[in-house]
Every structure is written in C-alpha cells, then in structure tokens.
Amino acid sequence: MSRHKNASSSDSLKASSVLDSIAIPTFAINVQHEITHWNQAIEKASGYLAVDMIGTKNQWKPFYPNARPTMSDLIVEGGQDESVERFYTSKYNKS
C-alpha cells in the first residue's frame, strides 16, 4: 500500500474515532454527498445503523419524510444564501 493510502486510511480512522466519541448525533459527508461517518449517537437517536448509512446519500432519512438536502449538503455546495433560505426559511440566522 502506498504511503498516501496509509495516511488517508489513518486519517479516516482518526476521524471515525473522534466522531464516535462525540455524544452529539453526528454524521459527515464527502464532496459527492456520500455519508463517510455516522456516529453511535446518531445511530441511537435515529435508529439507522452506520453499516446501513455509510456510503449512501440517505442522510436525509432521519430528518425528513422525503429526499431533500440536509444542511451539510448545502454547505458542501457552498452554502449559498438562496439555497439555505429555500430549505430553511426563517430557521437560520446569517453569522
């Protein structure tokens, strides 16, 4: 295995370890909007297991009845005010 792949794998394990230690339900997605991390707290809160969620684009399922972007999806896309306002009307304050 190349040094880059070893480093990438090591970074992923560290990220998983950190996210799993957080008591707050947390997930992470990549630039393709695929779930890369799904911690134990979100498993417990949502009922969706990490093994079933990681690698999918189903991050919306614990929050919405139909497929739609989550806040993390909007951030990955650049967090444009118009997109955020469209999905979170009157539910956010610009910082």
Protein backbone atom coordinates (compact mmCIF):
# COMPACT_ATOMS: atom_id res chain seq x y z
CA MET A 1 0.00 0.00 0.00
CA SER A 2 1.32 3.45 -0.83
CA ARG A 3 2.23 5.99 1.83
CA HIS A 4 -0.67 8.20 0.66
CA LYS A 5 -3.23 5.39 1.07
CA ASN A 6 -1.81 4.56 4.51
CA ALA A 7 -2.07 8.20 5.58
CA SER A 8 -5.58 8.51 4.17
CA SER A 9 -6.69 5.33 5.93
CA SER A 10 -5.09 6.52 9.17
CA ASP A 11 -6.83 9.91 8.88
CA SER A 12 -10.17 8.20 8.29
CA LEU A 13 -9.71 6.02 11.37
CA LYS A 14 -8.82 9.08 13.47
CA ALA A 15 -11.88 10.94 12.21
CA SER A 16 -14.11 7.95 12.96
CA SER A 17 -12.65 7.67 16.44
CA VAL A 18 -13.20 11.37 17.16
CA LEU A 19 -16.74 11.38 15.78
CA ASP A 20 -17.67 8.21 17.67
CA SER A 21 -16.50 9.79 20.93
CA ILE A 22 -18.90 12.73 20.50
CA ALA A 23 -22.15 12.35 22.46
CA ILE A 24 -23.98 14.57 19.95
CA PRO A 25 -25.57 12.77 16.97
CA THR A 26 -23.14 13.49 14.13
CA PHE A 27 -22.55 12.45 10.55
CA ALA A 28 -20.15 13.59 7.83
CA ILE A 29 -20.40 13.55 4.05
CA ASN A 30 -17.86 13.89 1.26
CA VAL A 31 -18.00 16.17 -1.80
CA GLN A 32 -20.10 13.55 -3.60
CA HIS A 33 -22.65 13.85 -0.75
CA GLU A 34 -21.99 10.27 0.37
CA ILE A 35 -22.01 9.56 4.09
CA THR A 36 -18.47 8.89 5.31
CA HIS A 37 -19.09 8.83 9.07
CA TRP A 38 -22.17 8.04 11.16
CA ASN A 39 -21.51 8.04 14.89
CA GLN A 40 -23.03 5.92 17.62
CA ALA A 41 -25.07 8.83 18.98
CA ILE A 42 -26.86 9.32 15.64
CA GLU A 43 -27.40 5.56 15.42
CA LYS A 44 -29.13 5.67 18.79
CA ALA A 45 -31.13 8.83 18.05
CA SER A 46 -32.19 7.89 14.52
CA GLY A 47 -32.41 4.11 14.61
CA TYR A 48 -30.28 3.94 11.44
CA LEU A 49 -27.09 1.90 11.76
CA ALA A 50 -23.77 3.16 10.41
CA VAL A 51 -23.33 -0.02 8.39
CA ASP A 52 -26.54 0.80 6.51
CA MET A 53 -25.86 4.52 6.06
CA ILE A 54 -22.15 4.87 5.25
CA GLY A 55 -21.59 5.03 1.51
CA THR A 56 -25.16 6.13 0.78
CA LYS A 57 -26.74 9.52 0.16
CA ASN A 58 -29.52 8.85 2.67
CA GLN A 59 -28.53 11.44 5.29
CA TRP A 60 -31.98 12.99 4.92
CA LYS A 61 -33.82 9.89 6.18
CA PRO A 62 -33.69 10.58 9.95
CA PHE A 63 -34.87 14.15 9.44
CA TYR A 64 -37.33 14.34 6.55
CA PRO A 65 -40.11 12.14 5.09
CA ASN A 66 -38.85 12.67 1.52
CA ALA A 67 -35.41 13.05 -0.05
CA ARG A 68 -34.06 16.61 0.24
CA PRO A 69 -30.75 18.26 1.05
CA THR A 70 -29.61 18.41 4.65
CA MET A 71 -27.71 21.44 5.93
CA SER A 72 -24.47 19.50 5.37
CA ASP A 73 -25.38 19.02 1.69
CA LEU A 74 -25.98 22.75 1.32
CA ILE A 75 -22.64 23.54 2.97
CA VAL A 76 -20.81 21.14 0.65
CA GLU A 77 -22.40 23.01 -2.26
CA GLY A 78 -21.11 26.33 -0.95
CA GLY A 79 -23.88 27.33 1.45
CA GLN A 80 -25.43 29.92 -0.86
CA ASP A 81 -27.99 32.05 0.96
CA GLU A 82 -30.67 31.28 -1.63
CA SER A 83 -30.33 27.53 -1.14
CA VAL A 84 -30.29 27.78 2.63
CA GLU A 85 -33.30 30.11 2.63
CA ARG A 86 -35.21 27.79 0.28
CA PHE A 87 -34.92 24.81 2.61
CA TYR A 88 -34.65 26.57 5.98
CA THR A 89 -36.98 29.56 5.62
CA SER A 90 -36.88 31.65 8.81
CA LYS A 91 -34.93 28.91 10.60
CA TYR A 92 -31.42 30.29 10.39
CA ASN A 93 -29.52 33.47 11.10
CA LYS A 94 -26.60 34.53 8.96
CA SER A 95 -23.44 34.80 11.05
